[in-house]
Amino acid sequence: MLEELVFTEKTETREAGGYWNTLGISTPNFPVDADIVYQTFGDSCPSWVNNVKYLFDNWLKYSMVTINKLTPGCFIPPHKDKFHRLFEFAKNNNIDLTNKEPIRINLFLQDHKIGHFFEMENEVCMNYKKGDYAIIRLDKIHSVINIGNENRYTLQVSGFADKDTFK
């Protein structure tokens, strides 16, 4: 099922959303195309992907989904999510964000495979199972690496939570 997904965007993550600049260092000279992630957003995702966001309705409001594929030998360098699409949606729909914070649920679509790594705040998550998830907040540094021999798939649900939900 995962191998049959169609990805509508190819995103280069080399600049890490400006994270290297905040550290005052130059962007590393990564191998060509090693920083590519394939993505599909919202209505371009299959219906089962869009239905997953409702599992988090008790936490997240105005949620949207993304599905990601990281091929062998690729990575997403250390970065902080900026939630561009989510904030743009809120702005375009005049959503009051008082006492709200953006949250991303990173849902693992596979059991851990050899060479698949998720790191957040200097802690590596390797023993995950399909259906486990990580909660990513606006200020959390994280990275993803696939040095295995199989594609790595995740589903992300992004939305706004009450600020005291994830203390």
N, C-alpha and C. Protein backbone atom coordinates (compact mmCIF):
# COMPACT_ATOMS: atom_id res chain seq x y z
N MET A 1 0.81 -1.19 0.00
CA MET A 1 0.00 0.00 0.00
C MET A 1 0.87 1.27 0.00
N LEU A 2 1.89 1.32 0.84
CA LEU A 2 2.73 2.51 0.91
C LEU A 2 3.51 2.74 -0.38
N GLU A 3 3.99 1.66 -0.98
CA GLU A 3 4.77 1.79 -2.22
C GLU A 3 3.92 2.31 -3.38
N GLU A 4 2.60 2.21 -3.26
CA GLU A 4 1.69 2.65 -4.33
C GLU A 4 1.31 4.12 -4.21
N LEU A 5 1.70 4.77 -3.12
CA LEU A 5 1.36 6.18 -2.93
C LEU A 5 1.98 7.05 -4.01
N VAL A 6 1.27 8.09 -4.39
CA VAL A 6 1.76 9.06 -5.36
C VAL A 6 2.17 10.31 -4.60
N PHE A 7 3.37 10.78 -4.85
CA PHE A 7 3.89 11.97 -4.17
C PHE A 7 3.90 13.14 -5.14
N THR A 8 3.32 14.26 -4.70
CA THR A 8 3.12 15.41 -5.59
C THR A 8 4.23 16.45 -5.48
N GLU A 9 5.05 16.37 -4.44
CA GLU A 9 6.11 17.36 -4.26
C GLU A 9 7.43 16.69 -3.89
N LYS A 10 8.49 17.29 -4.38
CA LYS A 10 9.86 16.86 -4.07
C LYS A 10 10.51 18.06 -3.39
N THR A 11 10.81 17.92 -2.10
CA THR A 11 11.29 19.04 -1.30
C THR A 11 12.76 18.87 -0.95
N GLU A 12 13.54 19.89 -1.25
CA GLU A 12 14.95 19.90 -0.88
C GLU A 12 15.06 20.51 0.51
N THR A 13 15.69 19.79 1.42
CA THR A 13 15.76 20.24 2.82
C THR A 13 17.15 20.76 3.23
N ARG A 14 18.01 20.94 2.25
CA ARG A 14 19.41 21.33 2.48
C ARG A 14 19.57 22.50 3.45
N GLU A 15 18.74 23.52 3.28
CA GLU A 15 18.87 24.73 4.10
C GLU A 15 18.27 24.58 5.49
N ALA A 16 17.55 23.47 5.72
CA ALA A 16 16.96 23.17 7.03
C ALA A 16 16.10 24.31 7.55
N GLY A 17 15.36 24.94 6.64
CA GLY A 17 14.47 26.03 7.06
C GLY A 17 15.20 27.20 7.68
N GLY A 18 16.45 27.40 7.29
CA GLY A 18 17.24 28.51 7.83
C GLY A 18 17.94 28.20 9.13
N TYR A 19 17.84 26.95 9.57
CA TYR A 19 18.44 26.58 10.86
C TYR A 19 19.95 26.80 10.89
N TRP A 20 20.63 26.47 9.80
CA TRP A 20 22.10 26.66 9.77
C TRP A 20 22.43 28.13 10.00
N ASN A 21 21.66 29.03 9.39
CA ASN A 21 21.90 30.47 9.57
C ASN A 21 21.76 30.89 11.02
N THR A 22 20.78 30.31 11.73
CA THR A 22 20.59 30.69 13.14
C THR A 22 21.78 30.26 13.99
N LEU A 23 22.51 29.27 13.52
CA LEU A 23 23.71 28.81 14.24
C LEU A 23 24.95 29.59 13.82
N GLY A 24 24.78 30.41 12.78
CA GLY A 24 25.91 31.20 12.29
C GLY A 24 26.92 30.38 11.52
N ILE A 25 26.47 29.29 10.90
CA ILE A 25 27.38 28.46 10.10
C ILE A 25 26.84 28.30 8.68
N SER A 26 27.71 27.99 7.79
CA SER A 26 27.32 27.77 6.40
C SER A 26 26.60 26.44 6.26
N THR A 27 25.73 26.36 5.26
CA THR A 27 25.04 25.11 4.98
C THR A 27 26.08 24.06 4.61
N PRO A 28 26.03 22.90 5.24
CA PRO A 28 27.00 21.84 4.89
C PRO A 28 26.89 21.44 3.42
N ASN A 29 27.98 20.95 2.89
CA ASN A 29 28.04 20.54 1.49
C ASN A 29 27.58 19.07 1.38
N PHE A 30 26.26 18.87 1.48
CA PHE A 30 25.70 17.53 1.42
C PHE A 30 25.81 16.95 0.02
N PRO A 31 25.83 15.62 -0.11
CA PRO A 31 25.80 15.01 -1.44
C PRO A 31 24.54 15.44 -2.20
N VAL A 32 24.65 15.56 -3.49
CA VAL A 32 23.54 15.98 -4.34
C VAL A 32 22.35 15.03 -4.13
N ASP A 33 21.19 15.61 -3.93
CA ASP A 33 19.91 14.91 -3.77
C ASP A 33 19.78 14.06 -2.50
N ALA A 34 20.74 14.11 -1.60
CA ALA A 34 20.63 13.34 -0.35
C ALA A 34 19.64 13.98 0.62
N ASP A 35 19.29 15.23 0.36
CA ASP A 35 18.41 15.97 1.26
C ASP A 35 16.99 16.11 0.69
N ILE A 36 16.56 15.15 -0.11
CA ILE A 36 15.25 15.20 -0.76
C ILE A 36 14.24 14.37 0.03
N VAL A 37 13.07 14.96 0.25
CA VAL A 37 11.94 14.23 0.83
C VAL A 37 10.77 14.39 -0.14
N TYR A 38 10.07 13.30 -0.40
CA TYR A 38 8.89 13.32 -1.26
C TYR A 38 7.68 13.48 -0.36
N GLN A 39 6.76 14.38 -0.77
CA GLN A 39 5.62 14.71 0.08
C GLN A 39 4.33 14.83 -0.73
N THR A 40 3.22 14.58 -0.04
CA THR A 40 1.89 14.85 -0.56
C THR A 40 1.10 15.48 0.57
N PHE A 41 0.35 16.52 0.24
CA PHE A 41 -0.37 17.30 1.25
C PHE A 41 -1.88 17.22 1.06
N GLY A 42 -2.59 17.24 2.19
CA GLY A 42 -4.03 17.44 2.23
C GLY A 42 -4.86 16.63 1.26
N ASP A 43 -5.62 17.32 0.43
CA ASP A 43 -6.55 16.67 -0.49
C ASP A 43 -5.86 15.82 -1.55
N SER A 44 -4.57 16.00 -1.74
CA SER A 44 -3.83 15.16 -2.69
C SER A 44 -3.50 13.79 -2.09
N CYS A 45 -3.69 13.66 -0.78
CA CYS A 45 -3.45 12.39 -0.10
C CYS A 45 -4.65 11.47 -0.28
N PRO A 46 -4.43 10.16 -0.19
CA PRO A 46 -5.56 9.22 -0.21
C PRO A 46 -6.49 9.49 0.97
N SER A 47 -7.75 9.08 0.83
CA SER A 47 -8.74 9.36 1.88
C SER A 47 -8.35 8.77 3.23
N TRP A 48 -7.71 7.60 3.24
CA TRP A 48 -7.33 7.01 4.53
C TRP A 48 -6.35 7.90 5.28
N VAL A 49 -5.50 8.62 4.55
CA VAL A 49 -4.56 9.54 5.19
C VAL A 49 -5.32 10.69 5.83
N ASN A 50 -6.25 11.28 5.08
CA ASN A 50 -7.05 12.39 5.62
C ASN A 50 -7.89 11.95 6.81
N ASN A 51 -8.34 10.72 6.83
CA ASN A 51 -9.16 10.25 7.95
C ASN A 51 -8.36 10.09 9.24
N VAL A 52 -7.05 9.92 9.13
CA VAL A 52 -6.21 9.76 10.33
C VAL A 52 -6.26 11.01 11.21
N LYS A 53 -6.39 12.18 10.60
CA LYS A 53 -6.38 13.42 11.41
C LYS A 53 -7.50 13.44 12.44
N TYR A 54 -8.58 12.75 12.17
CA TYR A 54 -9.70 12.74 13.12
C TYR A 54 -9.39 11.95 14.39
N LEU A 55 -8.37 11.12 14.34
CA LEU A 55 -7.95 10.39 15.54
C LEU A 55 -7.36 11.33 16.59
N PHE A 56 -6.96 12.52 16.16
CA PHE A 56 -6.32 13.48 17.06
C PHE A 56 -7.19 14.71 17.32
N ASP A 57 -8.48 14.63 17.00
CA ASP A 57 -9.40 15.75 17.20
C ASP A 57 -9.49 16.22 18.64
N ASN A 58 -9.25 15.32 19.58
CA ASN A 58 -9.32 15.73 20.98
C ASN A 58 -8.15 16.65 21.36
N TRP A 59 -7.08 16.66 20.57
CA TRP A 59 -5.92 17.52 20.83
C TRP A 59 -5.81 18.67 19.84
N LEU A 60 -6.02 18.35 18.57
CA LEU A 60 -5.70 19.30 17.50
C LEU A 60 -6.95 19.85 16.82
N LYS A 61 -6.92 21.14 16.57
CA LYS A 61 -7.98 21.81 15.80
C LYS A 61 -7.37 22.32 14.50
N TYR A 62 -8.21 22.43 13.48
CA TYR A 62 -7.79 22.93 12.16
C TYR A 62 -6.64 22.10 11.59
N SER A 63 -6.73 20.80 11.78
CA SER A 63 -5.60 19.94 11.39
C SER A 63 -5.53 19.68 9.89
N MET A 64 -4.33 19.39 9.45
CA MET A 64 -4.04 19.05 8.05
C MET A 64 -3.02 17.92 8.04
N VAL A 65 -2.97 17.20 6.92
CA VAL A 65 -2.11 16.02 6.85
C VAL A 65 -1.05 16.16 5.75
N THR A 66 0.03 15.44 5.96
CA THR A 66 1.12 15.31 4.99
C THR A 66 1.60 13.87 5.08
N ILE A 67 1.96 13.31 3.94
CA ILE A 67 2.61 12.01 3.96
C ILE A 67 3.99 12.19 3.34
N ASN A 68 5.00 11.59 3.97
CA ASN A 68 6.40 11.77 3.56
C ASN A 68 7.04 10.45 3.19
N LYS A 69 7.89 10.50 2.19
CA LYS A 69 8.70 9.34 1.81
C LYS A 69 10.16 9.78 1.76
N LEU A 70 10.99 9.07 2.48
CA LEU A 70 12.43 9.32 2.47
C LEU A 70 13.09 8.06 1.91
N THR A 71 13.74 8.21 0.77
CA THR A 71 14.35 7.06 0.11
C THR A 71 15.70 6.71 0.73
N PRO A 72 16.20 5.49 0.51
CA PRO A 72 17.49 5.10 1.07
C PRO A 72 18.60 6.08 0.70
N GLY A 73 19.40 6.42 1.69
CA GLY A 73 20.52 7.34 1.50
C GLY A 73 20.15 8.80 1.67
N CYS A 74 18.90 9.07 2.01
CA CYS A 74 18.45 10.46 2.17
C CYS A 74 18.18 10.80 3.62
N PHE A 75 18.07 12.09 3.89
CA PHE A 75 17.88 12.58 5.25
C PHE A 75 17.22 13.94 5.22
N ILE A 76 16.68 14.33 6.35
CA ILE A 76 16.23 15.70 6.59
C ILE A 76 17.12 16.21 7.71
N PRO A 77 17.96 17.21 7.44
CA PRO A 77 18.93 17.65 8.45
C PRO A 77 18.25 18.28 9.67
N PRO A 78 19.00 18.48 10.75
CA PRO A 78 18.43 19.10 11.95
C PRO A 78 17.73 20.42 11.59
N HIS A 79 16.53 20.58 12.13
CA HIS A 79 15.73 21.77 11.84
C HIS A 79 14.63 21.93 12.88
N LYS A 80 14.00 23.08 12.85
CA LYS A 80 12.80 23.34 13.65
C LYS A 80 11.67 23.57 12.65
N ASP A 81 10.56 22.86 12.83
CA ASP A 81 9.42 23.05 11.93
C ASP A 81 8.88 24.47 12.09
N LYS A 82 8.49 25.05 10.97
CA LYS A 82 7.96 26.42 10.98
C LYS A 82 6.46 26.46 10.76
N PHE A 83 5.85 25.33 10.38
CA PHE A 83 4.39 25.23 10.23
C PHE A 83 3.84 26.26 9.24
N HIS A 84 4.54 26.48 8.13
CA HIS A 84 4.13 27.50 7.15
C HIS A 84 2.69 27.33 6.69
N ARG A 85 2.35 26.14 6.22
CA ARG A 85 1.00 25.92 5.68
C ARG A 85 -0.07 26.09 6.75
N LEU A 86 0.22 25.64 7.95
CA LEU A 86 -0.75 25.75 9.03
C LEU A 86 -1.00 27.22 9.41
N PHE A 87 0.07 28.01 9.53
CA PHE A 87 -0.09 29.42 9.86
C PHE A 87 -0.76 30.18 8.71
N GLU A 88 -0.44 29.80 7.49
CA GLU A 88 -1.08 30.43 6.33
C GLU A 88 -2.59 30.14 6.34
N PHE A 89 -2.96 28.90 6.65
CA PHE A 89 -4.37 28.54 6.74
C PHE A 89 -5.07 29.37 7.82
N ALA A 90 -4.43 29.51 8.97
CA ALA A 90 -5.02 30.28 10.07
C ALA A 90 -5.20 31.74 9.67
N LYS A 91 -4.21 32.30 9.02
CA LYS A 91 -4.28 33.70 8.57
C LYS A 91 -5.41 33.87 7.56
N ASN A 92 -5.46 33.00 6.57
CA ASN A 92 -6.47 33.11 5.51
C ASN A 92 -7.89 32.90 6.02
N ASN A 93 -8.03 32.22 7.15
CA ASN A 93 -9.35 31.94 7.71
C ASN A 93 -9.63 32.71 9.00
N ASN A 94 -8.81 33.71 9.28
CA ASN A 94 -8.99 34.58 10.46
C ASN A 94 -9.20 33.78 11.74
N ILE A 95 -8.36 32.79 11.96
CA ILE A 95 -8.48 31.94 13.14
C ILE A 95 -7.75 32.61 14.31
N ASP A 96 -8.42 32.73 15.41
CA ASP A 96 -7.84 33.31 16.63
C ASP A 96 -6.89 32.28 17.25
N LEU A 97 -5.63 32.59 17.32
CA LEU A 97 -4.63 31.67 17.86
C LEU A 97 -4.24 31.99 19.30
N THR A 98 -5.02 32.80 19.97
CA THR A 98 -4.75 33.10 21.37
C THR A 98 -4.75 31.80 22.17
N ASN A 99 -3.70 31.61 22.93
CA ASN A 99 -3.52 30.41 23.76
C ASN A 99 -3.47 29.11 22.95
N LYS A 100 -3.04 29.19 21.71
CA LYS A 100 -2.88 28.01 20.86
C LYS A 100 -1.42 27.88 20.46
N GLU A 101 -1.00 26.67 20.21
CA GLU A 101 0.35 26.44 19.68
C GLU A 101 0.27 25.40 18.57
N PRO A 102 1.13 25.55 17.56
CA PRO A 102 1.15 24.55 16.49
C PRO A 102 1.82 23.27 16.99
N ILE A 103 1.24 22.16 16.62
CA ILE A 103 1.75 20.85 17.00
C ILE A 103 1.76 19.97 15.76
N ARG A 104 2.77 19.15 15.64
CA ARG A 104 2.83 18.17 14.56
C ARG A 104 2.94 16.79 15.19
N ILE A 105 2.03 15.92 14.81
CA ILE A 105 2.08 14.52 15.20
C ILE A 105 2.79 13.78 14.07
N ASN A 106 3.93 13.20 14.35
CA ASN A 106 4.70 12.45 13.35
C ASN A 106 4.40 10.96 13.58
N LEU A 107 3.55 10.40 12.73
CA LEU A 107 3.05 9.04 12.88
C LEU A 107 3.87 8.08 12.03
N PHE A 108 4.44 7.09 12.66
CA PHE A 108 5.26 6.11 11.94
C PHE A 108 4.34 5.12 11.23
N LEU A 109 4.51 4.97 9.93
CA LEU A 109 3.67 4.08 9.13
C LEU A 109 4.27 2.69 8.95
N GLN A 110 5.43 2.46 9.55
CA GLN A 110 6.10 1.16 9.47
C GLN A 110 6.73 0.88 10.82
N ASP A 111 6.91 -0.39 11.12
CA ASP A 111 7.78 -0.74 12.23
C ASP A 111 9.18 -0.24 11.88
N HIS A 112 10.00 0.01 12.90
CA HIS A 112 11.37 0.45 12.66
C HIS A 112 12.09 -0.52 11.73
N LYS A 113 12.80 0.03 10.78
CA LYS A 113 13.62 -0.76 9.85
C LYS A 113 15.08 -0.41 10.07
N ILE A 114 15.94 -1.32 9.71
CA ILE A 114 17.37 -1.07 9.83
C ILE A 114 17.74 0.19 9.05
N GLY A 115 18.49 1.09 9.70
CA GLY A 115 18.95 2.32 9.05
C GLY A 115 17.97 3.47 9.08
N HIS A 116 16.80 3.29 9.69
CA HIS A 116 15.82 4.38 9.80
C HIS A 116 15.94 5.02 11.17
N PHE A 117 16.15 6.34 11.19
CA PHE A 117 16.34 7.05 12.45
C PHE A 117 15.48 8.31 12.50
N PHE A 118 14.95 8.58 13.68
CA PHE A 118 14.29 9.84 13.98
C PHE A 118 14.94 10.37 15.24
N GLU A 119 15.44 11.59 15.18
CA GLU A 119 16.11 12.20 16.33
C GLU A 119 15.40 13.50 16.68
N MET A 120 15.15 13.69 17.97
CA MET A 120 14.59 14.96 18.42
C MET A 120 15.26 15.35 19.73
N GLU A 121 15.76 16.58 19.74
CA GLU A 121 16.41 17.11 20.94
C GLU A 121 17.49 16.15 21.45
N ASN A 122 18.32 15.64 20.56
CA ASN A 122 19.46 14.77 20.85
C ASN A 122 19.08 13.39 21.38
N GLU A 123 17.84 12.99 21.20
CA GLU A 123 17.42 11.64 21.56
C GLU A 123 16.99 10.91 20.30
N VAL A 124 17.54 9.74 20.09
CA VAL A 124 17.23 8.95 18.90
C VAL A 124 16.12 7.97 19.21
N CYS A 125 15.13 7.97 18.35
CA CYS A 125 14.00 7.05 18.47
C CYS A 125 14.18 5.97 17.40
N MET A 126 14.43 4.74 17.84
CA MET A 126 14.68 3.66 16.89
C MET A 126 13.75 2.47 17.07
N ASN A 127 13.21 2.26 18.21
CA ASN A 127 12.43 1.05 18.47
C ASN A 127 10.93 1.27 18.30
N TYR A 128 10.56 2.14 17.38
CA TYR A 128 9.14 2.44 17.19
C TYR A 128 8.45 1.33 16.39
N LYS A 129 7.15 1.30 16.57
CA LYS A 129 6.28 0.37 15.85
C LYS A 129 5.32 1.17 14.98
N LYS A 130 4.81 0.54 13.96
CA LYS A 130 3.79 1.15 13.12
C LYS A 130 2.65 1.64 14.03
N GLY A 131 2.28 2.90 13.88
CA GLY A 131 1.22 3.49 14.70
C GLY A 131 1.74 4.32 15.86
N ASP A 132 3.01 4.13 16.25
CA ASP A 132 3.60 5.01 17.27
C ASP A 132 3.75 6.40 16.67
N TYR A 133 3.89 7.39 17.54
CA TYR A 133 4.06 8.75 17.03
C TYR A 133 4.92 9.58 17.97
N ALA A 134 5.47 10.64 17.39
CA ALA A 134 6.23 11.64 18.14
C ALA A 134 5.50 12.97 18.04
N ILE A 135 5.52 13.74 19.08
CA ILE A 135 4.89 15.05 19.09
C ILE A 135 5.98 16.09 18.88
N ILE A 136 5.83 16.86 17.81
CA ILE A 136 6.84 17.86 17.45
C ILE A 136 6.25 19.25 17.71
N ARG A 137 6.94 20.01 18.53
CA ARG A 137 6.53 21.37 18.84
C ARG A 137 7.38 22.35 18.03
N LEU A 138 6.93 23.58 18.00
CA LEU A 138 7.56 24.63 17.20
C LEU A 138 9.05 24.79 17.48
N ASP A 139 9.47 24.61 18.70
CA ASP A 139 10.86 24.90 19.08
C ASP A 139 11.75 23.66 19.17
N LYS A 140 11.26 22.51 18.75
CA LYS A 140 12.02 21.26 18.91
C LYS A 140 12.89 20.96 17.69
N ILE A 141 14.17 20.81 17.92
CA ILE A 141 15.11 20.46 16.85
C ILE A 141 15.01 18.96 16.61
N HIS A 142 14.86 18.59 15.36
CA HIS A 142 14.76 17.17 15.02
C HIS A 142 15.31 16.92 13.62
N SER A 143 15.60 15.66 13.35
CA SER A 143 16.11 15.26 12.04
C SER A 143 15.67 13.83 11.76
N VAL A 144 15.74 13.47 10.49
CA VAL A 144 15.32 12.15 10.03
C VAL A 144 16.39 11.61 9.09
N ILE A 145 16.72 10.33 9.24
CA ILE A 145 17.77 9.73 8.41
C ILE A 145 17.30 8.38 7.92
N ASN A 146 17.57 8.12 6.64
CA ASN A 146 17.33 6.79 6.09
C ASN A 146 18.62 6.30 5.45
N ILE A 147 19.37 5.53 6.21
CA ILE A 147 20.57 4.91 5.64
C ILE A 147 20.34 3.40 5.50
N GLY A 148 19.06 3.05 5.43
CA GLY A 148 18.69 1.65 5.25
C GLY A 148 18.53 1.31 3.77
N ASN A 149 17.87 0.20 3.51
CA ASN A 149 17.68 -0.25 2.13
C ASN A 149 16.23 -0.20 1.68
N GLU A 150 15.34 0.37 2.52
CA GLU A 150 13.93 0.49 2.17
C GLU A 150 13.48 1.94 2.36
N ASN A 151 12.44 2.33 1.61
CA ASN A 151 11.85 3.65 1.80
C ASN A 151 11.31 3.77 3.21
N ARG A 152 11.33 4.99 3.73
CA ARG A 152 10.81 5.28 5.07
C ARG A 152 9.60 6.20 4.90
N TYR A 153 8.47 5.81 5.50
CA TYR A 153 7.22 6.55 5.35
C TYR A 153 6.70 7.03 6.70
N THR A 154 6.25 8.28 6.72
CA THR A 154 5.57 8.82 7.89
C THR A 154 4.37 9.64 7.44
N LEU A 155 3.44 9.77 8.33
CA LEU A 155 2.26 10.60 8.12
C LEU A 155 2.30 11.67 9.19
N GLN A 156 2.09 12.90 8.80
CA GLN A 156 2.11 13.98 9.78
C GLN A 156 0.73 14.63 9.86
N VAL A 157 0.28 14.83 11.07
CA VAL A 157 -0.95 15.57 11.32
C VAL A 157 -0.53 16.84 12.05
N SER A 158 -0.80 17.98 11.44
CA SER A 158 -0.43 19.27 12.03
C SER A 158 -1.70 20.05 12.34
N GLY A 159 -1.72 20.68 13.49
CA GLY A 159 -2.87 21.48 13.88
C GLY A 159 -2.52 22.35 15.07
N PHE A 160 -3.54 23.01 15.59
CA PHE A 160 -3.34 23.88 16.75
C PHE A 160 -3.92 23.23 17.99
N ALA A 161 -3.12 23.22 19.05
CA ALA A 161 -3.55 22.67 20.35
C ALA A 161 -3.59 23.80 21.37
N ASP A 162 -4.39 23.61 22.42
CA ASP A 162 -4.34 24.54 23.53
C ASP A 162 -2.94 24.51 24.11
N LYS A 163 -2.40 25.65 24.50
CA LYS A 163 -1.01 25.73 24.95
C LYS A 163 -0.70 24.84 26.14
N ASP A 164 -1.66 24.53 26.97
CA ASP A 164 -1.37 23.69 28.13
C ASP A 164 -1.55 22.20 27.87
N THR A 165 -1.85 21.81 26.65
CA THR A 165 -2.08 20.40 26.32
C THR A 165 -0.80 19.57 26.41
N PHE A 166 0.31 20.11 25.94
CA PHE A 166 1.56 19.34 25.85
C PHE A 166 2.66 19.97 26.70
N LYS A 167 2.42 20.14 27.96
CA LYS A 167 3.44 20.73 28.85
C LYS A 167 4.51 19.74 29.16
